[in-house]
Amino acid sequence: MYSKIISLLAVVVASIVLSGCESNSSPMADNNTNILGIVKIEKGSYGHTGRNTVPVNTDEVVARTDFSGDKYTFLWGLITIKDY
């Protein structure tokens, strides 16, 4: 039982350590961040979300006028939060 928990913990820690860090200091840096498919952040993405997701617009939750165009996708595309 403990060996399964330890091996699962080792896989999670290794994926976090080996995933790397994002630095937007370079002009060639990518505007997308993907954390094991669980969380995906696309900066300045005004793209179509698709039919197999639950889209949530930020203007539905909070009244805003300054939109960033960012798109946050959770759980491999199950839920998408759009800021546009």
PDB file of N, CA and C in Angstrom:
ATOM      1  N   MET A   1       0.830  -1.196   0.000  1.00  0.00           N
ATOM      2  CA  MET A   1       0.000   0.000   0.000  1.00  0.00           C
ATOM      3  C   MET A   1       0.870   1.254   0.000  1.00  0.00           C
ATOM      4  N   TYR A   2       1.894   1.251   0.856  1.00  0.00           N
ATOM      5  CA  TYR A   2       2.748   2.425   0.941  1.00  0.00           C
ATOM      6  C   TYR A   2       3.603   2.594  -0.311  1.00  0.00           C
ATOM      7  N   SER A   3       3.941   1.497  -0.949  1.00  0.00           N
ATOM      8  CA  SER A   3       4.755   1.606  -2.159  1.00  0.00           C
ATOM      9  C   SER A   3       3.982   2.270  -3.292  1.00  0.00           C
ATOM     10  N   LYS A   4       2.672   2.042  -3.372  1.00  0.00           N
ATOM     11  CA  LYS A   4       1.848   2.700  -4.392  1.00  0.00           C
ATOM     12  C   LYS A   4       1.763   4.198  -4.132  1.00  0.00           C
ATOM     13  N   ILE A   5       1.591   4.567  -2.896  1.00  0.00           N
ATOM     14  CA  ILE A   5       1.494   5.990  -2.548  1.00  0.00           C
ATOM     15  C   ILE A   5       2.825   6.680  -2.795  1.00  0.00           C
ATOM     16  N   ILE A   6       3.916   6.035  -2.420  1.00  0.00           N
ATOM     17  CA  ILE A   6       5.239   6.631  -2.617  1.00  0.00           C
ATOM     18  C   ILE A   6       5.557   6.762  -4.100  1.00  0.00           C
ATOM     19  N   SER A   7       5.212   5.741  -4.898  1.00  0.00           N
ATOM     20  CA  SER A   7       5.487   5.835  -6.335  1.00  0.00           C
ATOM     21  C   SER A   7       4.624   6.894  -7.004  1.00  0.00           C
ATOM     22  N   LEU A   8       3.371   7.028  -6.585  1.00  0.00           N
ATOM     23  CA  LEU A   8       2.512   8.084  -7.133  1.00  0.00           C
ATOM     24  C   LEU A   8       3.044   9.458  -6.755  1.00  0.00           C
ATOM     25  N   LEU A   9       3.473   9.603  -5.525  1.00  0.00           N
ATOM     26  CA  LEU A   9       4.047  10.868  -5.068  1.00  0.00           C
ATOM     27  C   LEU A   9       5.332  11.183  -5.824  1.00  0.00           C
ATOM     28  N   ALA A  10       6.145  10.157  -6.099  1.00  0.00           N
ATOM     29  CA  ALA A  10       7.388  10.371  -6.847  1.00  0.00           C
ATOM     30  C   ALA A  10       7.107  10.813  -8.274  1.00  0.00           C
ATOM     31  N   VAL A  11       6.077  10.259  -8.903  1.00  0.00           N
ATOM     32  CA  VAL A  11       5.718  10.665 -10.264  1.00  0.00           C
ATOM     33  C   VAL A  11       5.233  12.108 -10.284  1.00  0.00           C
ATOM     34  N   VAL A  12       4.425  12.484  -9.305  1.00  0.00           N
ATOM     35  CA  VAL A  12       3.918  13.863  -9.245  1.00  0.00           C
ATOM     36  C   VAL A  12       5.056  14.844  -9.004  1.00  0.00           C
ATOM     37  N   VAL A  13       5.944  14.534  -8.073  1.00  0.00           N
ATOM     38  CA  VAL A  13       7.069  15.424  -7.784  1.00  0.00           C
ATOM     39  C   VAL A  13       7.998  15.527  -8.994  1.00  0.00           C
ATOM     40  N   ALA A  14       8.259  14.414  -9.666  1.00  0.00           N
ATOM     41  CA  ALA A  14       9.130  14.440 -10.846  1.00  0.00           C
ATOM     42  C   ALA A  14       8.514  15.244 -11.970  1.00  0.00           C
ATOM     43  N   SER A  15       7.198  15.151 -12.151  1.00  0.00           N
ATOM     44  CA  SER A  15       6.572  15.927 -13.217  1.00  0.00           C
ATOM     45  C   SER A  15       6.593  17.417 -12.916  1.00  0.00           C
ATOM     46  N   ILE A  16       6.478  17.777 -11.648  1.00  0.00           N
ATOM     47  CA  ILE A  16       6.549  19.193 -11.285  1.00  0.00           C
ATOM     48  C   ILE A  16       7.967  19.721 -11.445  1.00  0.00           C
ATOM     49  N   VAL A  17       8.941  18.955 -11.003  1.00  0.00           N
ATOM     50  CA  VAL A  17      10.337  19.391 -11.069  1.00  0.00           C
ATOM     51  C   VAL A  17      10.818  19.450 -12.512  1.00  0.00           C
ATOM     52  N   LEU A  18      10.464  18.466 -13.322  1.00  0.00           N
ATOM     53  CA  LEU A  18      10.960  18.398 -14.683  1.00  0.00           C
ATOM     54  C   LEU A  18      10.146  19.200 -15.686  1.00  0.00           C
ATOM     55  N   SER A  19       9.041  19.807 -15.248  1.00  0.00           N
ATOM     56  CA  SER A  19       8.219  20.569 -16.184  1.00  0.00           C
ATOM     57  C   SER A  19       8.871  21.885 -16.581  1.00  0.00           C
ATOM     58  N   GLY A  20       9.741  22.415 -15.757  1.00  0.00           N
ATOM     59  CA  GLY A  20      10.447  23.648 -16.101  1.00  0.00           C
ATOM     60  C   GLY A  20       9.677  24.881 -15.669  1.00  0.00           C
ATOM     61  N   CYS A  21      10.317  26.005 -15.812  1.00  0.00           N
ATOM     62  CA  CYS A  21       9.717  27.274 -15.441  1.00  0.00           C
ATOM     63  C   CYS A  21       9.539  28.114 -16.691  1.00  0.00           C
ATOM     64  N   GLU A  22       8.520  28.936 -16.665  1.00  0.00           N
ATOM     65  CA  GLU A  22       8.274  29.799 -17.803  1.00  0.00           C
ATOM     66  C   GLU A  22       8.824  31.188 -17.510  1.00  0.00           C
ATOM     67  N   SER A  23       9.505  31.743 -18.476  1.00  0.00           N
ATOM     68  CA  SER A  23      10.046  33.079 -18.351  1.00  0.00           C
ATOM     69  C   SER A  23       9.682  33.852 -19.599  1.00  0.00           C
ATOM     70  N   ASN A  24       8.948  34.932 -19.438  1.00  0.00           N
ATOM     71  CA  ASN A  24       8.534  35.738 -20.581  1.00  0.00           C
ATOM     72  C   ASN A  24       9.473  36.904 -20.821  1.00  0.00           C
ATOM     73  N   SER A  25      10.717  36.779 -20.380  1.00  0.00           N
ATOM     74  CA  SER A  25      11.665  37.870 -20.594  1.00  0.00           C
ATOM     75  C   SER A  25      12.164  37.892 -22.036  1.00  0.00           C
ATOM     76  N   SER A  26      12.097  36.783 -22.718  1.00  0.00           N
ATOM     77  CA  SER A  26      12.551  36.706 -24.096  1.00  0.00           C
ATOM     78  C   SER A  26      11.450  37.155 -25.042  1.00  0.00           C
ATOM     79  N   PRO A  27      11.784  37.904 -26.092  1.00  0.00           N
ATOM     80  CA  PRO A  27      10.744  38.302 -27.043  1.00  0.00           C
ATOM     81  C   PRO A  27      10.212  37.119 -27.839  1.00  0.00           C
ATOM     82  N   MET A  28      10.942  36.010 -27.861  1.00  0.00           N
ATOM     83  CA  MET A  28      10.498  34.818 -28.579  1.00  0.00           C
ATOM     84  C   MET A  28       9.750  33.851 -27.668  1.00  0.00           C
ATOM     85  N   ALA A  29       9.446  34.252 -26.416  1.00  0.00           N
ATOM     86  CA  ALA A  29       8.798  33.364 -25.462  1.00  0.00           C
ATOM     87  C   ALA A  29       7.373  33.057 -25.905  1.00  0.00           C
ATOM     88  N   ASP A  30       6.955  31.846 -25.623  1.00  0.00           N
ATOM     89  CA  ASP A  30       5.617  31.392 -25.962  1.00  0.00           C
ATOM     90  C   ASP A  30       4.621  31.967 -24.957  1.00  0.00           C
ATOM     91  N   ASN A  31       3.431  32.304 -25.414  1.00  0.00           N
ATOM     92  CA  ASN A  31       2.417  32.872 -24.536  1.00  0.00           C
ATOM     93  C   ASN A  31       1.525  31.810 -23.924  1.00  0.00           C
ATOM     94  N   ASN A  32       1.807  30.543 -24.142  1.00  0.00           N
ATOM     95  CA  ASN A  32       0.978  29.464 -23.631  1.00  0.00           C
ATOM     96  C   ASN A  32       1.678  28.752 -22.492  1.00  0.00           C
ATOM     97  N   THR A  33       0.875  28.310 -21.517  1.00  0.00           N
ATOM     98  CA  THR A  33       1.367  27.520 -20.403  1.00  0.00           C
ATOM     99  C   THR A  33       0.483  26.293 -20.286  1.00  0.00           C
ATOM    100  N   ASN A  34       1.094  25.129 -20.155  1.00  0.00           N
ATOM    101  CA  ASN A  34       0.344  23.891 -20.019  1.00  0.00           C
ATOM    102  C   ASN A  34       0.933  23.101 -18.858  1.00  0.00           C
ATOM    103  N   ILE A  35       0.115  22.831 -17.850  1.00  0.00           N
ATOM    104  CA  ILE A  35       0.561  22.098 -16.673  1.00  0.00           C
ATOM    105  C   ILE A  35      -0.124  20.741 -16.680  1.00  0.00           C
ATOM    106  N   LEU A  36       0.528  19.756 -17.296  1.00  0.00           N
ATOM    107  CA  LEU A  36       0.066  18.378 -17.373  1.00  0.00           C
ATOM    108  C   LEU A  36      -1.330  18.249 -17.969  1.00  0.00           C
ATOM    109  N   GLY A  37      -1.777  19.194 -18.707  1.00  0.00           N
ATOM    110  CA  GLY A  37      -3.104  19.144 -19.293  1.00  0.00           C
ATOM    111  C   GLY A  37      -4.210  19.510 -18.329  1.00  0.00           C
ATOM    112  N   ILE A  38      -3.898  19.602 -17.055  1.00  0.00           N
ATOM    113  CA  ILE A  38      -4.916  19.937 -16.065  1.00  0.00           C
ATOM    114  C   ILE A  38      -5.274  21.408 -16.168  1.00  0.00           C
ATOM    115  N   VAL A  39      -4.280  22.255 -16.333  1.00  0.00           N
ATOM    116  CA  VAL A  39      -4.488  23.691 -16.496  1.00  0.00           C
ATOM    117  C   VAL A  39      -3.722  24.142 -17.723  1.00  0.00           C
ATOM    118  N   LYS A  40      -4.399  24.823 -18.627  1.00  0.00           N
ATOM    119  CA  LYS A  40      -3.757  25.375 -19.818  1.00  0.00           C
ATOM    120  C   LYS A  40      -4.141  26.842 -19.912  1.00  0.00           C
ATOM    121  N   ILE A  41      -3.131  27.714 -20.033  1.00  0.00           N
ATOM    122  CA  ILE A  41      -3.360  29.153 -20.098  1.00  0.00           C
ATOM    123  C   ILE A  41      -2.850  29.651 -21.435  1.00  0.00           C
ATOM    124  N   GLU A  42      -3.711  30.318 -22.178  1.00  0.00           N
ATOM    125  CA  GLU A  42      -3.339  30.897 -23.461  1.00  0.00           C
ATOM    126  C   GLU A  42      -3.543  32.400 -23.375  1.00  0.00           C
ATOM    127  N   LYS A  43      -2.448  33.140 -23.433  1.00  0.00           N
ATOM    128  CA  LYS A  43      -2.502  34.596 -23.340  1.00  0.00           C
ATOM    129  C   LYS A  43      -2.871  35.188 -24.697  1.00  0.00           C
ATOM    130  N   GLY A  44      -3.782  36.137 -24.703  1.00  0.00           N
ATOM    131  CA  GLY A  44      -4.162  36.830 -25.932  1.00  0.00           C
ATOM    132  C   GLY A  44      -4.798  35.922 -26.966  1.00  0.00           C
ATOM    133  N   SER A  45      -5.507  34.920 -26.532  1.00  0.00           N
ATOM    134  CA  SER A  45      -6.126  33.970 -27.461  1.00  0.00           C
ATOM    135  C   SER A  45      -7.592  34.329 -27.631  1.00  0.00           C
ATOM    136  N   TYR A  46      -7.949  34.739 -28.816  1.00  0.00           N
ATOM    137  CA  TYR A  46      -9.345  35.040 -29.108  1.00  0.00           C
ATOM    138  C   TYR A  46      -9.952  33.944 -29.973  1.00  0.00           C
ATOM    139  N   GLY A  47      -9.459  32.716 -29.819  1.00  0.00           N
ATOM    140  CA  GLY A  47      -9.867  31.609 -30.665  1.00  0.00           C
ATOM    141  C   GLY A  47     -11.181  30.979 -30.241  1.00  0.00           C
ATOM    142  N   HIS A  48     -11.685  30.121 -31.099  1.00  0.00           N
ATOM    143  CA  HIS A  48     -12.914  29.389 -30.869  1.00  0.00           C
ATOM    144  C   HIS A  48     -12.678  28.319 -29.805  1.00  0.00           C
ATOM    145  N   THR A  49     -13.660  28.054 -28.942  1.00  0.00           N
ATOM    146  CA  THR A  49     -13.473  27.093 -27.858  1.00  0.00           C
ATOM    147  C   THR A  49     -13.842  25.672 -28.240  1.00  0.00           C
ATOM    148  N   GLY A  50     -14.738  25.461 -29.148  1.00  0.00           N
ATOM    149  CA  GLY A  50     -15.143  24.111 -29.515  1.00  0.00           C
ATOM    150  C   GLY A  50     -16.454  23.718 -28.853  1.00  0.00           C
ATOM    151  N   ARG A  51     -16.959  22.561 -29.256  1.00  0.00           N
ATOM    152  CA  ARG A  51     -18.264  22.135 -28.764  1.00  0.00           C
ATOM    153  C   ARG A  51     -18.180  21.217 -27.556  1.00  0.00           C
ATOM    154  N   ASN A  52     -17.047  20.621 -27.284  1.00  0.00           N
ATOM    155  CA  ASN A  52     -16.928  19.638 -26.207  1.00  0.00           C
ATOM    156  C   ASN A  52     -16.400  20.240 -24.919  1.00  0.00           C
ATOM    157  N   THR A  53     -16.805  21.438 -24.596  1.00  0.00           N
ATOM    158  CA  THR A  53     -16.354  22.104 -23.383  1.00  0.00           C
ATOM    159  C   THR A  53     -17.510  22.890 -22.781  1.00  0.00           C
ATOM    160  N   VAL A  54     -17.357  23.237 -21.525  1.00  0.00           N
ATOM    161  CA  VAL A  54     -18.320  24.099 -20.847  1.00  0.00           C
ATOM    162  C   VAL A  54     -17.713  25.490 -20.828  1.00  0.00           C
ATOM    163  N   PRO A  55     -18.133  26.372 -21.756  1.00  0.00           N
ATOM    164  CA  PRO A  55     -17.516  27.705 -21.804  1.00  0.00           C
ATOM    165  C   PRO A  55     -18.112  28.643 -20.760  1.00  0.00           C
ATOM    166  N   VAL A  56     -17.246  29.393 -20.107  1.00  0.00           N
ATOM    167  CA  VAL A  56     -17.665  30.405 -19.141  1.00  0.00           C
ATOM    168  C   VAL A  56     -16.976  31.702 -19.539  1.00  0.00           C
ATOM    169  N   ASN A  57     -17.750  32.747 -19.759  1.00  0.00           N
ATOM    170  CA  ASN A  57     -17.192  34.069 -20.059  1.00  0.00           C
ATOM    171  C   ASN A  57     -17.066  34.849 -18.762  1.00  0.00           C
ATOM    172  N   THR A  58     -15.992  35.617 -18.627  1.00  0.00           N
ATOM    173  CA  THR A  58     -15.801  36.382 -17.396  1.00  0.00           C
ATOM    174  C   THR A  58     -16.813  37.506 -17.261  1.00  0.00           C
ATOM    175  N   ASP A  59     -17.355  37.990 -18.372  1.00  0.00           N
ATOM    176  CA  ASP A  59     -18.365  39.044 -18.256  1.00  0.00           C
ATOM    177  C   ASP A  59     -19.687  38.489 -17.747  1.00  0.00           C
ATOM    178  N   GLU A  60     -19.874  37.167 -17.758  1.00  0.00           N
ATOM    179  CA  GLU A  60     -21.053  36.563 -17.151  1.00  0.00           C
ATOM    180  C   GLU A  60     -20.942  36.526 -15.636  1.00  0.00           C
ATOM    181  N   VAL A  61     -19.719  36.467 -15.131  1.00  0.00           N
ATOM    182  CA  VAL A  61     -19.483  36.367 -13.700  1.00  0.00           C
ATOM    183  C   VAL A  61     -19.346  37.750 -13.073  1.00  0.00           C
ATOM    184  N   VAL A  62     -18.526  38.609 -13.691  1.00  0.00           N
ATOM    185  CA  VAL A  62     -18.249  39.948 -13.168  1.00  0.00           C
ATOM    186  C   VAL A  62     -18.395  40.947 -14.313  1.00  0.00           C
ATOM    187  N   ALA A  63     -19.071  42.062 -14.049  1.00  0.00           N
ATOM    188  CA  ALA A  63     -19.218  43.099 -15.070  1.00  0.00           C
ATOM    189  C   ALA A  63     -17.876  43.783 -15.288  1.00  0.00           C
ATOM    190  N   ARG A  64     -17.354  43.694 -16.531  1.00  0.00           N
ATOM    191  CA  ARG A  64     -16.044  44.268 -16.852  1.00  0.00           C
ATOM    192  C   ARG A  64     -16.104  44.938 -18.209  1.00  0.00           C
ATOM    193  N   THR A  65     -15.141  45.824 -18.432  1.00  0.00           N
ATOM    194  CA  THR A  65     -15.011  46.450 -19.752  1.00  0.00           C
ATOM    195  C   THR A  65     -13.605  46.291 -20.312  1.00  0.00           C
ATOM    196  N   ASP A  66     -12.633  45.901 -19.496  1.00  0.00           N
ATOM    197  CA  ASP A  66     -11.255  45.731 -19.964  1.00  0.00           C
ATOM    198  C   ASP A  66     -10.919  44.241 -20.040  1.00  0.00           C
ATOM    199  N   PHE A  67     -10.988  43.694 -21.221  1.00  0.00           N
ATOM    200  CA  PHE A  67     -10.755  42.271 -21.421  1.00  0.00           C
ATOM    201  C   PHE A  67      -9.319  42.031 -21.879  1.00  0.00           C
ATOM    202  N   SER A  68      -8.732  40.931 -21.418  1.00  0.00           N
ATOM    203  CA  SER A  68      -7.345  40.632 -21.767  1.00  0.00           C
ATOM    204  C   SER A  68      -7.243  39.670 -22.943  1.00  0.00           C
ATOM    205  N   GLY A  69      -8.290  38.910 -23.209  1.00  0.00           N
ATOM    206  CA  GLY A  69      -8.253  37.948 -24.297  1.00  0.00           C
ATOM    207  C   GLY A  69      -7.666  36.611 -23.894  1.00  0.00           C
ATOM    208  N   ASP A  70      -7.409  36.411 -22.611  1.00  0.00           N
ATOM    209  CA  ASP A  70      -6.821  35.163 -22.145  1.00  0.00           C
ATOM    210  C   ASP A  70      -7.873  34.057 -22.093  1.00  0.00           C
ATOM    211  N   LYS A  71      -7.400  32.825 -22.253  1.00  0.00           N
ATOM    212  CA  LYS A  71      -8.285  31.664 -22.190  1.00  0.00           C
ATOM    213  C   LYS A  71      -7.657  30.648 -21.247  1.00  0.00           C
ATOM    214  N   TYR A  72      -8.430  30.207 -20.251  1.00  0.00           N
ATOM    215  CA  TYR A  72      -7.986  29.236 -19.268  1.00  0.00           C
ATOM    216  C   TYR A  72      -8.782  27.952 -19.469  1.00  0.00           C
ATOM    217  N   THR A  73      -8.099  26.850 -19.682  1.00  0.00           N
ATOM    218  CA  THR A  73      -8.748  25.570 -19.909  1.00  0.00           C
ATOM    219  C   THR A  73      -8.361  24.627 -18.776  1.00  0.00           C
ATOM    220  N   PHE A  74      -9.358  23.975 -18.184  1.00  0.00           N
ATOM    221  CA  PHE A  74      -9.138  23.077 -17.063  1.00  0.00           C
ATOM    222  C   PHE A  74      -9.572  21.656 -17.412  1.00  0.00           C
ATOM    223  N   LEU A  75      -8.883  20.694 -16.845  1.00  0.00           N
ATOM    224  CA  LEU A  75      -9.214  19.279 -16.969  1.00  0.00           C
ATOM    225  C   LEU A  75      -9.311  18.838 -18.420  1.00  0.00           C
ATOM    226  N   TRP A  76      -8.267  19.085 -19.172  1.00  0.00           N
ATOM    227  CA  TRP A  76      -8.103  18.644 -20.556  1.00  0.00           C
ATOM    228  C   TRP A  76      -9.219  19.144 -21.469  1.00  0.00           C
ATOM    229  N   GLY A  77      -9.705  20.349 -21.217  1.00  0.00           N
ATOM    230  CA  GLY A  77     -10.694  20.959 -22.088  1.00  0.00           C
ATOM    231  C   GLY A  77     -12.118  20.808 -21.628  1.00  0.00           C
ATOM    232  N   LEU A  78     -12.335  20.276 -20.433  1.00  0.00           N
ATOM    233  CA  LEU A  78     -13.693  20.098 -19.943  1.00  0.00           C
ATOM    234  C   LEU A  78     -14.345  21.443 -19.627  1.00  0.00           C
ATOM    235  N   ILE A  79     -13.586  22.343 -19.006  1.00  0.00           N
ATOM    236  CA  ILE A  79     -14.091  23.666 -18.634  1.00  0.00           C
ATOM    237  C   ILE A  79     -13.153  24.712 -19.240  1.00  0.00           C
ATOM    238  N   THR A  80     -13.721  25.718 -19.891  1.00  0.00           N
ATOM    239  CA  THR A  80     -12.932  26.794 -20.487  1.00  0.00           C
ATOM    240  C   THR A  80     -13.461  28.130 -19.990  1.00  0.00           C
ATOM    241  N   ILE A  81     -12.564  28.934 -19.441  1.00  0.00           N
ATOM    242  CA  ILE A  81     -12.915  30.289 -18.993  1.00  0.00           C
ATOM    243  C   ILE A  81     -12.287  31.257 -19.970  1.00  0.00           C
ATOM    244  N   LYS A  82     -13.137  32.076 -20.616  1.00  0.00           N
ATOM    245  CA  LYS A  82     -12.680  33.033 -21.629  1.00  0.00           C
ATOM    246  C   LYS A  82     -12.788  34.443 -21.072  1.00  0.00           C
ATOM    247  N   ASP A  83     -11.761  35.234 -21.318  1.00  0.00           N
ATOM    248  CA  ASP A  83     -11.767  36.638 -20.898  1.00  0.00           C
ATOM    249  C   ASP A  83     -11.859  37.526 -22.139  1.00  0.00           C
ATOM    250  N   TYR A  84     -12.890  37.308 -22.926  1.00  0.00           N
ATOM    251  CA  TYR A  84     -13.160  38.131 -24.096  1.00  0.00           C
ATOM    252  C   TYR A  84     -14.591  38.011 -24.489  1.00  0.00           C
TER     253      TYR A  84
END
